[in-house]
C-alpha atoms as a PDB file:
ATOM      1  CA  MET A   1      -7.115   4.852  -8.353  1.00  0.00           C
ATOM      2  CA  ALA A   2      -9.055   7.836  -7.373  1.00  0.00           C
ATOM      3  CA  THR A   3     -10.375  11.222  -9.278  1.00  0.00           C
ATOM      4  CA  ARG A   4     -11.120  13.477  -5.707  1.00  0.00           C
ATOM      5  CA  PRO A   5      -7.841  15.801  -5.436  1.00  0.00           C
ATOM      6  CA  ASP A   6      -7.773  14.877  -1.769  1.00  0.00           C
ATOM      7  CA  VAL A   7      -7.981  11.060  -2.224  1.00  0.00           C
ATOM      8  CA  LEU A   8      -5.550  11.337  -5.058  1.00  0.00           C
ATOM      9  CA  HIS A   9      -3.219  12.940  -2.130  1.00  0.00           C
ATOM     10  CA  ILE A  10      -3.246   9.825   0.052  1.00  0.00           C
ATOM     11  CA  TRP A  11      -2.581   7.536  -2.940  1.00  0.00           C
ATOM     12  CA  ARG A  12       0.406   9.808  -4.406  1.00  0.00           C
ATOM     13  CA  THR A  13       2.079  10.424  -0.693  1.00  0.00           C
ATOM     14  CA  ILE A  14       0.809   8.988   2.500  1.00  0.00           C
ATOM     15  CA  ILE A  15       0.301   5.452   0.862  1.00  0.00           C
ATOM     16  CA  PRO A  16       3.846   5.377  -0.608  1.00  0.00           C
ATOM     17  CA  GLN A  17       5.424   6.815   2.931  1.00  0.00           C
ATOM     18  CA  SER A  18       3.206   3.408   4.565  1.00  0.00           C
ATOM     19  CA  CYS A  19       4.843   1.577   2.078  1.00  0.00           C
ATOM     20  CA  TYR A  20       8.382   2.543   3.136  1.00  0.00           C
ATOM     21  CA  GLU A  21       7.621   1.924   6.548  1.00  0.00           C
ATOM     22  CA  ASN A  22       5.413  -1.307   6.431  1.00  0.00           C
ATOM     23  CA  ASP A  23       6.358  -4.201   3.890  1.00  0.00           C
ATOM     24  CA  PHE A  24       3.128  -5.729   3.923  1.00  0.00           C
ATOM     25  CA  VAL A  25       1.484  -2.436   2.694  1.00  0.00           C
ATOM     26  CA  LEU A  26       4.243  -2.324   0.038  1.00  0.00           C
ATOM     27  CA  HIS A  27       3.231  -6.298  -0.985  1.00  0.00           C
ATOM     28  CA  GLY A  28      -0.364  -4.986  -1.160  1.00  0.00           C
ATOM     29  CA  ILE A  29       0.087  -2.187  -3.483  1.00  0.00           C
ATOM     30  CA  LEU A  30       2.534  -4.300  -5.425  1.00  0.00           C
ATOM     31  CA  ALA A  31      -0.187  -6.825  -5.843  1.00  0.00           C
ATOM     32  CA  LEU A  32      -2.679  -4.068  -6.955  1.00  0.00           C
ATOM     33  CA  SER A  33       0.049  -2.764  -9.486  1.00  0.00           C
ATOM     34  CA  ALA A  34       0.356  -6.289 -10.730  1.00  0.00           C
ATOM     35  CA  ALA A  35      -3.642  -6.613 -11.190  1.00  0.00           C
ATOM     36  CA  HIS A  36      -3.631  -3.636 -13.194  1.00  0.00           C
ATOM     37  CA  LYS A  37      -0.898  -4.478 -15.219  1.00  0.00           C
ATOM     38  CA  ALA A  38      -2.866  -7.604 -15.945  1.00  0.00           C
ATOM     39  CA  TYR A  39      -5.938  -5.224 -16.636  1.00  0.00           C
ATOM     40  CA  LEU A  40      -4.190  -3.292 -19.238  1.00  0.00           C
ATOM     41  CA  LEU A  41      -1.931  -5.956 -20.748  1.00  0.00           C
ATOM     42  CA  SER A  42      -4.340  -8.941 -21.808  1.00  0.00           C
ATOM     43  CA  GLY A  43      -1.672 -10.710 -23.718  1.00  0.00           C
ATOM     44  CA  ASN A  44       0.182 -11.290 -20.356  1.00  0.00           C
ATOM     45  CA  ARG A  45      -2.677 -11.124 -17.947  1.00  0.00           C
ATOM     46  CA  GLN A  46      -1.946 -14.623 -16.365  1.00  0.00           C
ATOM     47  CA  LEU A  47       1.598 -13.611 -15.880  1.00  0.00           C
ATOM     48  CA  TYR A  48       0.854 -10.697 -13.937  1.00  0.00           C
ATOM     49  CA  LEU A  49      -2.430 -12.152 -11.829  1.00  0.00           C
ATOM     50  CA  ASN A  50       0.409 -14.787 -10.802  1.00  0.00           C
ATOM     51  CA  LEU A  51       2.629 -12.033  -9.725  1.00  0.00           C
ATOM     52  CA  SER A  52      -0.295  -9.987  -7.724  1.00  0.00           C
ATOM     53  CA  ASP A  53      -1.325 -13.273  -5.882  1.00  0.00           C
ATOM     54  CA  TYR A  54       2.122 -13.551  -4.837  1.00  0.00           C
ATOM     55  CA  HIS A  55       2.504 -10.092  -3.526  1.00  0.00           C
ATOM     56  CA  PHE A  56      -0.874 -10.364  -1.866  1.00  0.00           C
ATOM     57  CA  ASN A  57      -0.319 -13.429  -0.216  1.00  0.00           C
ATOM     58  CA  ILE A  58       2.893 -12.359   1.503  1.00  0.00           C
ATOM     59  CA  GLY A  59       1.041  -9.215   2.622  1.00  0.00           C
ATOM     60  CA  SER A  60      -1.958 -10.946   3.891  1.00  0.00           C
ATOM     61  CA  GLU A  61       0.292 -13.003   6.212  1.00  0.00           C
ATOM     62  CA  THR A  62       1.470  -9.925   8.178  1.00  0.00           C
ATOM     63  CA  PHE A  63      -1.734  -8.511   7.671  1.00  0.00           C
ATOM     64  CA  ARG A  64      -3.891 -11.585   9.605  1.00  0.00           C
ATOM     65  CA  SER A  65      -1.011 -11.919  12.026  1.00  0.00           C
ATOM     66  CA  GLN A  66      -1.414  -8.169  13.190  1.00  0.00           C
ATOM     67  CA  LEU A  67      -5.103  -8.050  13.045  1.00  0.00           C
ATOM     68  CA  SER A  68      -5.172 -10.841  15.696  1.00  0.00           C
ATOM     69  CA  ASP A  69      -2.815  -9.359  18.308  1.00  0.00           C
ATOM     70  CA  GLU A  70      -4.165  -6.472  20.130  1.00  0.00           C
ATOM     71  CA  ASP A  71      -1.066  -4.659  20.653  1.00  0.00           C
ATOM     72  CA  GLU A  72      -0.111  -4.793  17.115  1.00  0.00           C
ATOM     73  CA  ARG A  73      -3.583  -3.615  16.038  1.00  0.00           C
ATOM     74  CA  LYS A  74      -3.113  -0.164  18.410  1.00  0.00           C
ATOM     75  CA  LYS A  75       0.720   0.149  16.875  1.00  0.00           C
ATOM     76  CA  ASN A  76      -0.172  -0.380  13.433  1.00  0.00           C
ATOM     77  CA  GLN A  77      -3.875   1.148  12.951  1.00  0.00           C
ATOM     78  CA  LYS A  78      -2.698   3.058   9.524  1.00  0.00           C
ATOM     79  CA  PRO A  79      -1.456   0.211   7.893  1.00  0.00           C
ATOM     80  CA  LEU A  80      -3.915  -2.387   8.720  1.00  0.00           C
ATOM     81  CA  PHE A  81      -6.600   0.095   7.460  1.00  0.00           C
ATOM     82  CA  LEU A  82      -4.574   0.456   4.258  1.00  0.00           C
ATOM     83  CA  PHE A  83      -4.332  -3.254   3.602  1.00  0.00           C
ATOM     84  CA  GLY A  84      -7.916  -3.744   4.273  1.00  0.00           C
ATOM     85  CA  GLY A  85      -8.552  -1.669   1.584  1.00  0.00           C
ATOM     86  CA  VAL A  86      -6.337  -3.692  -0.684  1.00  0.00           C
ATOM     87  CA  VAL A  87      -7.938  -6.828   0.258  1.00  0.00           C
ATOM     88  CA  ILE A  88     -11.455  -5.121  -1.104  1.00  0.00           C
ATOM     89  CA  ILE A  89      -9.666  -4.316  -4.212  1.00  0.00           C
ATOM     90  CA  HIS A  90      -8.189  -7.543  -4.643  1.00  0.00           C
ATOM     91  CA  ILE A  91     -11.718  -9.257  -4.425  1.00  0.00           C
ATOM     92  CA  LEU A  92     -12.996  -6.924  -7.256  1.00  0.00           C
ATOM     93  CA  THR A  93     -10.005  -7.921  -9.587  1.00  0.00           C
ATOM     94  CA  SER A  94     -11.577 -11.549  -9.370  1.00  0.00           C
ATOM     95  CA  THR A  95     -13.331 -10.635 -12.947  1.00  0.00           C
ATOM     96  CA  LEU A  96      -9.814 -10.797 -14.634  1.00  0.00           C
ATOM     97  CA  ARG A  97      -9.188 -14.143 -13.351  1.00  0.00           C
ATOM     98  CA  THR A  98     -12.624 -15.553 -14.463  1.00  0.00           C
ATOM     99  CA  HIS A  99     -12.534 -13.609 -17.717  1.00  0.00           C
ATOM    100  CA  ASN A 100     -15.830 -11.753 -16.518  1.00  0.00           C
ATOM    101  CA  SER A 101     -17.614 -15.009 -16.461  1.00  0.00           C
ATOM    102  CA  GLU A 102     -21.089 -15.031 -15.219  1.00  0.00           C
ATOM    103  CA  ALA A 103     -21.490 -18.461 -13.341  1.00  0.00           C
ATOM    104  CA  ASP A 104     -19.719 -17.206 -10.178  1.00  0.00           C
ATOM    105  CA  ALA A 105     -21.092 -13.578 -10.078  1.00  0.00           C
ATOM    106  CA  ILE A 106     -23.363 -13.656  -7.377  1.00  0.00           C
ATOM    107  CA  GLU A 107     -21.421 -15.643  -5.244  1.00  0.00           C
ATOM    108  CA  ASN A 108     -18.602 -13.361  -6.043  1.00  0.00           C
ATOM    109  CA  LEU A 109     -20.876 -10.339  -4.644  1.00  0.00           C
ATOM    110  CA  VAL A 110     -21.720 -12.251  -1.465  1.00  0.00           C
ATOM    111  CA  ARG A 111     -18.080 -12.580  -0.948  1.00  0.00           C
ATOM    112  CA  LEU A 112     -17.326  -9.063  -1.568  1.00  0.00           C
ATOM    113  CA  ALA A 113     -20.503  -7.961   0.449  1.00  0.00           C
ATOM    114  CA  ARG A 114     -19.438  -9.984   3.444  1.00  0.00           C
ATOM    115  CA  ALA A 115     -15.616  -8.454   3.145  1.00  0.00           C
ATOM    116  CA  ILE A 116     -16.881  -4.923   3.302  1.00  0.00           C
ATOM    117  CA  LYS A 117     -19.000  -5.605   6.470  1.00  0.00           C
ATOM    118  CA  GLY A 118     -16.043  -7.487   7.983  1.00  0.00           C
ATOM    119  CA  PHE A 119     -13.636  -4.713   7.409  1.00  0.00           C
ATOM    120  CA  ARG A 120     -16.188  -1.979   8.549  1.00  0.00           C
ATOM    121  CA  VAL A 121     -16.516  -3.789  11.543  1.00  0.00           C
ATOM    122  CA  ILE A 122     -12.771  -4.122  12.218  1.00  0.00           C
ATOM    123  CA  ILE A 123     -12.536  -0.548  11.729  1.00  0.00           C
ATOM    124  CA  LEU A 124     -15.371   0.581  13.943  1.00  0.00           C
ATOM    125  CA  SER A 125     -14.461  -1.723  16.760  1.00  0.00           C
ATOM    126  CA  CYS A 126     -10.605  -2.180  16.811  1.00  0.00           C
ATOM    127  CA  LEU A 127      -9.276   1.362  14.768  1.00  0.00           C
ATOM    128  CA  SER A 128      -9.397   4.810  15.756  1.00  0.00           C
ATOM    129  CA  TRP A 129      -9.973   7.294  13.525  1.00  0.00           C
ATOM    130  CA  SER A 130      -8.279   9.959  15.641  1.00  0.00           C
ATOM    131  CA  ALA A 131      -5.289   8.029  14.688  1.00  0.00           C
ATOM    132  CA  MET A 132      -5.468   8.370  11.036  1.00  0.00           C
ATOM    133  CA  THR A 133      -6.802  11.830  10.471  1.00  0.00           C
ATOM    134  CA  ASP A 134      -4.746  12.211   7.211  1.00  0.00           C
ATOM    135  CA  LEU A 135      -6.761   9.063   5.805  1.00  0.00           C
ATOM    136  CA  ALA A 136     -10.238  10.353   6.500  1.00  0.00           C
ATOM    137  CA  ALA A 137     -10.712  11.253   2.873  1.00  0.00           C
ATOM    138  CA  LEU A 138     -11.053   7.639   2.143  1.00  0.00           C
ATOM    139  CA  ASP A 139     -14.188   7.348   4.170  1.00  0.00           C
ATOM    140  CA  SER A 140     -15.698  10.832   3.558  1.00  0.00           C
ATOM    141  CA  GLY A 141     -15.451  10.449  -0.116  1.00  0.00           C
ATOM    142  CA  SER A 142     -17.584   7.317   0.228  1.00  0.00           C
ATOM    143  CA  ARG A 143     -20.426   9.490   1.626  1.00  0.00           C
ATOM    144  CA  PRO A 144     -20.002  13.032   0.909  1.00  0.00           C
ATOM    145  CA  PHE A 145     -23.831  13.865   1.501  1.00  0.00           C
ATOM    146  CA  THR A 146     -26.356  12.735   4.016  1.00  0.00           C
ATOM    147  CA  SER A 147     -30.048  12.072   2.111  1.00  0.00           C
ATOM    148  CA  LYS A 148     -31.164  15.285   3.431  1.00  0.00           C
ATOM    149  CA  GLU A 149     -28.499  17.208   1.470  1.00  0.00           C
ATOM    150  CA  LEU A 150     -29.218  15.231  -1.594  1.00  0.00           C
ATOM    151  CA  GLY A 151     -32.959  15.894  -1.168  1.00  0.00           C
ATOM    152  CA  GLU A 152     -32.170  19.820  -1.267  1.00  0.00           C
ATOM    153  CA  MET A 153     -30.223  19.663  -4.206  1.00  0.00           C
ATOM    154  CA  ASP A 154     -30.928  20.350  -8.001  1.00  0.00           C
ATOM    155  CA  LEU A 155     -29.273  17.412  -9.413  1.00  0.00           C
ATOM    156  CA  SER A 156     -28.756  15.991 -13.357  1.00  0.00           C
ATOM    157  CA  ILE A 157     -28.198  12.177 -14.156  1.00  0.00           C
ATOM    158  CA  ARG A 158     -26.711  13.265 -17.120  1.00  0.00           C
ATOM    159  CA  ASN A 159     -23.555  14.433 -14.895  1.00  0.00           C
ATOM    160  CA  THR A 160     -22.934  10.558 -14.672  1.00  0.00           C
ATOM    161  CA  ASN A 161     -22.842   7.681 -16.810  1.00  0.00           C
ATOM    162  CA  LEU A 162     -25.944   6.441 -15.356  1.00  0.00           C
ATOM    163  CA  PRO A 163     -29.298   5.616 -17.477  1.00  0.00           C
ATOM    164  CA  PHE A 164     -31.234   8.720 -17.779  1.00  0.00           C
ATOM    165  CA  ASP A 165     -34.195   7.314 -16.160  1.00  0.00           C
ATOM    166  CA  ILE A 166     -32.681   5.394 -13.037  1.00  0.00           C
ATOM    167  CA  LEU A 167     -34.470   7.454 -10.672  1.00  0.00           C
ATOM    168  CA  GLU A 168     -37.831   6.981 -11.888  1.00  0.00           C
ATOM    169  CA  THR A 169     -37.086   3.291 -12.700  1.00  0.00           C
ATOM    170  CA  LEU A 170     -35.789   2.834  -8.867  1.00  0.00           C
ATOM    171  CA  GLU A 171     -39.212   4.528  -7.791  1.00  0.00           C
ATOM    172  CA  ASP A 172     -41.075   1.784 -10.067  1.00  0.00           C
ATOM    173  CA  LEU A 173     -38.845  -0.927  -8.563  1.00  0.00           C
ATOM    174  CA  GLN A 174     -39.614   0.302  -4.881  1.00  0.00           C
ATOM    175  CA  ALA A 175     -43.459   0.257  -6.054  1.00  0.00           C
ATOM    176  CA  PHE A 176     -43.091  -3.416  -7.305  1.00  0.00           C
ATOM    177  CA  GLN A 177     -41.591  -4.127  -3.875  1.00  0.00           C
ATOM    178  CA  THR A 178     -44.454  -2.615  -1.737  1.00  0.00           C
ATOM    179  CA  LYS A 179     -46.889  -4.488  -3.593  1.00  0.00           C
ATOM    180  CA  ASN A 180     -45.286  -7.632  -3.224  1.00  0.00           C
ATOM    181  CA  ALA A 181     -44.315  -7.179   0.343  1.00  0.00           C
ATOM    182  CA  PRO A 182     -46.082  -9.150   3.420  1.00  0.00           C
ATOM    183  CA  PRO A 183     -48.563  -6.549   4.648  1.00  0.00           C
ATOM    184  CA  GLY A 184     -47.853  -4.632   7.659  1.00  0.00           C
ATOM    185  CA  LEU A 185     -43.989  -5.220   7.568  1.00  0.00           C
ATOM    186  CA  ASP A 186     -41.127  -2.680   6.777  1.00  0.00           C
ATOM    187  CA  SER A 187     -39.493  -4.502   3.838  1.00  0.00           C
ATOM    188  CA  PRO A 188     -35.784  -4.281   4.097  1.00  0.00           C
ATOM    189  CA  TYR A 189     -36.030  -4.423   0.432  1.00  0.00           C
ATOM    190  CA  GLU A 190     -37.550  -0.749   0.122  1.00  0.00           C
ATOM    191  CA  LYS A 191     -34.894   0.552   2.216  1.00  0.00           C
ATOM    192  CA  ALA A 192     -32.096  -0.922  -0.254  1.00  0.00           C
ATOM    193  CA  THR A 193     -33.745   0.450  -3.250  1.00  0.00           C
ATOM    194  CA  LEU A 194     -33.773   3.791  -1.383  1.00  0.00           C
ATOM    195  CA  GLY A 195     -30.070   3.664  -0.732  1.00  0.00           C
ATOM    196  CA  LEU A 196     -29.803   2.834  -4.497  1.00  0.00           C
ATOM    197  CA  ARG A 197     -31.242   5.931  -5.309  1.00  0.00           C
ATOM    198  CA  ASP A 198     -29.396   8.059  -2.891  1.00  0.00           C
ATOM    199  CA  ILE A 199     -26.332   6.333  -4.698  1.00  0.00           C
ATOM    200  CA  ALA A 200     -27.485   7.293  -7.756  1.00  0.00           C
ATOM    201  CA  LYS A 201     -28.166  11.172  -6.500  1.00  0.00           C
ATOM    202  CA  THR A 202     -24.708  11.162  -5.177  1.00  0.00           C
ATOM    203  CA  LEU A 203     -23.164  10.236  -8.511  1.00  0.00           C
ATOM    204  CA  ALA A 204     -24.907  13.076 -10.055  1.00  0.00           C
ATOM    205  CA  ALA A 205     -23.868  15.466  -7.160  1.00  0.00           C
ATOM    206  CA  CYS A 206     -20.121  14.247  -7.463  1.00  0.00           C
ATOM    207  CA  GLY A 207     -20.038  14.228 -11.207  1.00  0.00           C
ATOM    208  CA  VAL A 208     -16.323  13.934 -12.141  1.00  0.00           C
ATOM    209  CA  PHE A 209     -15.028  13.195  -8.727  1.00  0.00           C
ATOM    210  CA  SER A 210     -17.322  10.276  -8.030  1.00  0.00           C
ATOM    211  CA  GLU A 211     -15.343   7.447  -5.832  1.00  0.00           C
ATOM    212  CA  ALA A 212     -15.987   3.725  -6.166  1.00  0.00           C
ATOM    213  CA  GLY A 213     -16.685   3.898  -2.410  1.00  0.00           C
ATOM    214  CA  ILE A 214     -19.923   5.624  -2.626  1.00  0.00           C
ATOM    215  CA  VAL A 215     -21.360   2.507  -4.907  1.00  0.00           C
ATOM    216  CA  LEU A 216     -19.528   0.010  -2.298  1.00  0.00           C
ATOM    217  CA  ARG A 217     -20.377   0.966   0.471  1.00  0.00           C
ATOM    218  CA  TRP A 218     -24.131   0.057  -0.300  1.00  0.00           C
ATOM    219  CA  LEU A 219     -23.325  -3.557   0.309  1.00  0.00           C
ATOM    220  CA  TYR A 220     -21.873  -2.731   3.909  1.00  0.00           C
ATOM    221  CA  PHE A 221     -25.601  -1.427   4.936  1.00  0.00           C
ATOM    222  CA  LEU A 222     -27.507  -4.352   3.039  1.00  0.00           C
ATOM    223  CA  ASP A 223     -29.585  -6.207   5.332  1.00  0.00           C
ATOM    224  CA  ALA A 224     -28.380  -9.481   6.509  1.00  0.00           C
ATOM    225  CA  ASP A 225     -31.763 -10.940   5.459  1.00  0.00           C
ATOM    226  CA  ILE A 226     -31.146  -9.671   1.968  1.00  0.00           C
ATOM    227  CA  LEU A 227     -27.760 -11.103   1.702  1.00  0.00           C
ATOM    228  CA  THR A 228     -28.810 -14.600   2.621  1.00  0.00           C
ATOM    229  CA  ASP A 229     -31.469 -14.023  -0.104  1.00  0.00           C
ATOM    230  CA  ILE A 230     -29.037 -13.102  -2.682  1.00  0.00           C
ATOM    231  CA  GLU A 231     -26.914 -16.244  -1.444  1.00  0.00           C
ATOM    232  CA  THR A 232     -29.772 -18.559  -1.973  1.00  0.00           C
ATOM    233  CA  LEU A 233     -30.808 -16.874  -5.418  1.00  0.00           C
ATOM    234  CA  GLN A 234     -33.888 -15.776  -4.381  1.00  0.00           C
ATOM    235  CA  PRO A 235     -35.621 -13.826  -7.194  1.00  0.00           C
ATOM    236  CA  PRO A 236     -36.473 -10.688  -5.391  1.00  0.00           C
ATOM    237  CA  ALA A 237     -32.840 -10.524  -4.473  1.00  0.00           C
ATOM    238  CA  LEU A 238     -31.785 -11.242  -7.885  1.00  0.00           C
ATOM    239  CA  LEU A 239     -33.728  -8.328  -9.210  1.00  0.00           C
ATOM    240  CA  LEU A 240     -32.201  -6.153  -6.561  1.00  0.00           C
ATOM    241  CA  VAL A 241     -28.485  -7.116  -7.258  1.00  0.00           C
ATOM    242  CA  ALA A 242     -29.411  -6.419 -11.303  1.00  0.00           C
ATOM    243  CA  TYR A 243     -30.219  -2.912 -10.483  1.00  0.00           C
ATOM    244  CA  PHE A 244     -27.184  -2.607  -8.288  1.00  0.00           C
ATOM    245  CA  ALA A 245     -25.210  -4.064 -11.014  1.00  0.00           C
ATOM    246  CA  VAL A 246     -26.448  -1.397 -13.426  1.00  0.00           C
ATOM    247  CA  ILE A 247     -24.915   1.029 -11.110  1.00  0.00           C
ATOM    248  CA  LEU A 248     -21.563  -0.818 -10.944  1.00  0.00           C
ATOM    249  CA  SER A 249     -21.581  -0.980 -14.896  1.00  0.00           C
ATOM    250  CA  SER A 250     -21.579   2.977 -14.746  1.00  0.00           C
ATOM    251  CA  MET A 251     -18.463   3.060 -12.985  1.00  0.00           C
ATOM    252  CA  GLU A 252     -16.383   0.795 -15.047  1.00  0.00           C
ATOM    253  CA  LYS A 253     -15.109   3.798 -17.448  1.00  0.00           C
ATOM    254  CA  THR A 254     -13.295   5.557 -14.234  1.00  0.00           C
ATOM    255  CA  VAL A 255     -12.747   2.553 -12.182  1.00  0.00           C
ATOM    256  CA  TRP A 256     -10.655  -0.151 -13.612  1.00  0.00           C
ATOM    257  CA  TYR A 257     -10.956  -2.599 -11.097  1.00  0.00           C
ATOM    258  CA  LEU A 258     -14.950  -2.585 -11.412  1.00  0.00           C
ATOM    259  CA  ASN A 259     -14.641  -3.889 -14.961  1.00  0.00           C
ATOM    260  CA  GLY A 260     -16.770  -6.762 -15.849  1.00  0.00           C
ATOM    261  CA  TRP A 261     -18.924  -6.962 -12.690  1.00  0.00           C
ATOM    262  CA  GLY A 262     -22.159  -5.352 -13.892  1.00  0.00           C
ATOM    263  CA  GLU A 263     -21.999  -7.390 -16.773  1.00  0.00           C
ATOM    264  CA  ALA A 264     -21.392 -10.801 -15.003  1.00  0.00           C
ATOM    265  CA  ILE A 265     -23.995 -10.298 -12.370  1.00  0.00           C
ATOM    266  CA  ILE A 266     -26.662  -9.452 -14.988  1.00  0.00           C
ATOM    267  CA  ARG A 267     -25.789 -12.133 -16.853  1.00  0.00           C
ATOM    268  CA  GLN A 268     -26.259 -14.669 -13.981  1.00  0.00           C
ATOM    269  CA  VAL A 269     -29.627 -13.296 -13.086  1.00  0.00           C
ATOM    270  CA  ASP A 270     -30.599 -13.426 -16.557  1.00  0.00           C
ATOM    271  CA  GLN A 271     -30.080 -17.237 -16.244  1.00  0.00           C
ATOM    272  CA  LEU A 272     -31.311 -17.871 -13.059  1.00  0.00           C
ATOM    273  CA  LEU A 273     -34.903 -15.917 -13.267  1.00  0.00           C
ATOM    274  CA  GLU A 274     -37.720 -18.154 -14.642  1.00  0.00           C
ATOM    275  CA  GLU A 275     -39.069 -16.735 -17.761  1.00  0.00           C
ATOM    276  CA  ASP A 276     -42.635 -16.659 -15.856  1.00  0.00           C
ATOM    277  CA  SER A 277     -41.408 -15.110 -12.789  1.00  0.00           C
ATOM    278  CA  LYS A 278     -43.119 -11.782 -11.725  1.00  0.00           C
ATOM    279  CA  GLU A 279     -39.483 -10.604 -11.270  1.00  0.00           C
ATOM    280  CA  ARG A 280     -38.856 -10.841 -15.381  1.00  0.00           C
ATOM    281  CA  SER A 281     -40.629  -7.762 -16.485  1.00  0.00           C
ATOM    282  CA  MET A 282     -38.936  -5.633 -14.091  1.00  0.00           C
ATOM    283  CA  PHE A 283     -35.530  -7.378 -14.716  1.00  0.00           C
ATOM    284  CA  ALA A 284     -36.082  -6.145 -18.529  1.00  0.00           C
ATOM    285  CA  TRP A 285     -34.830  -2.733 -17.823  1.00  0.00           C
ATOM    286  CA  ALA A 286     -31.658  -3.843 -16.202  1.00  0.00           C
ATOM    287  CA  LYS A 287     -30.728  -6.209 -19.201  1.00  0.00           C
ATOM    288  CA  GLN A 288     -31.232  -3.047 -21.200  1.00  0.00           C
ATOM    289  CA  GLN A 289     -28.741  -1.308 -20.009  1.00  0.00           C
ATOM    290  CA  ILE A 290     -26.309  -3.217 -21.716  1.00  0.00           C
ATOM    291  CA  PRO A 291     -27.670  -4.241 -24.792  1.00  0.00           C
ATOM    292  CA  HIS A 292     -24.410  -4.474 -26.778  1.00  0.00           C
ATOM    293  CA  LYS A 293     -23.152  -7.439 -24.408  1.00  0.00           C
ATOM    294  CA  LEU A 294     -26.367  -9.097 -23.695  1.00  0.00           C
ATOM    295  CA  PRO A 295     -28.517 -11.195 -26.382  1.00  0.00           C
END
C-alpha cells in the first residue's frame, strides 16, 4: 500500500491500532484486503469483490453517520480521515469490477475527482491536522516538493516508469493549448498541464519512493470548468486526461489499485475523439505509450 518508510509505518502500526479501536475502520481495511485478493486471484475475483463490497458498505454506514454529526467529527477525526482514504481506494478498484472496460472510464475518472475534491474539503473544513500528527506522512507523501524546489533539482525521468520524453511532450501540449486558447484569457488547461509536469518531476525526484497521492492530488486541483469539460466529453479535456492517463499507467507496477486505469481512459478517448479533430495528432503520443495494448 506504500513505499515510503514513514507511510509504511502508518500502514503497519497506526492503522491496525485504529482498526482495534474503531470497527468501521476495520471494515474499511477488510474491504481493501478483499479487493487486493480479487486483484491477485482472478479465478475467485467475484467472490472477493462481493466480500469487499460487504465490508465497505458496513463501514460506510458508520462513516456517513459520524461525518454528519459535529460532535462525532471532533471526537473521531483520525478514523474518519482513514476511512476517507478507504473510499478513494475503493473507487480506484472499480477497474476490477468492470474488467478494465473503457466504456465507463471517463465517468469513473470524474467520480474519482469529485470524491477526492470532496474528501479534501472535509479535511480542510472539519478536521484538524494537529489532532492527527502521526498521519501527516499520508499528506506530505503526496506533495514532498514545491514547484520551486523541483525547478532547482537535477532530475532524470529514467528514475521512473514514465516515457523518457514526457517533459518535452508536455511542453508541446502546453504550446498546443496556448495556440488554441481564446486570446487574452488565462487558460486553466495550461495550468493543469504545468501540474502534470510537476508530477513527472516529483516522480523523478522520489524514484522508488513515489506514492500514488503524488499523481492523484492533481485531480483535487483540477479546475471546475475542466472537470465539467471532461464530464461532457469535450475534445481538449479528453486530450488532457489522456496525458494524465499515461502518468497513471506508469504507476501500475508499484500501485496495484491503479491497475487498468490508464489503459481504460486512453481506450475511451481513442473512441471519442473524431479522426479529423485537431486534438488527434497530439493524442497519438499518449496512444503510443501502450502499443502492446492498443491497436
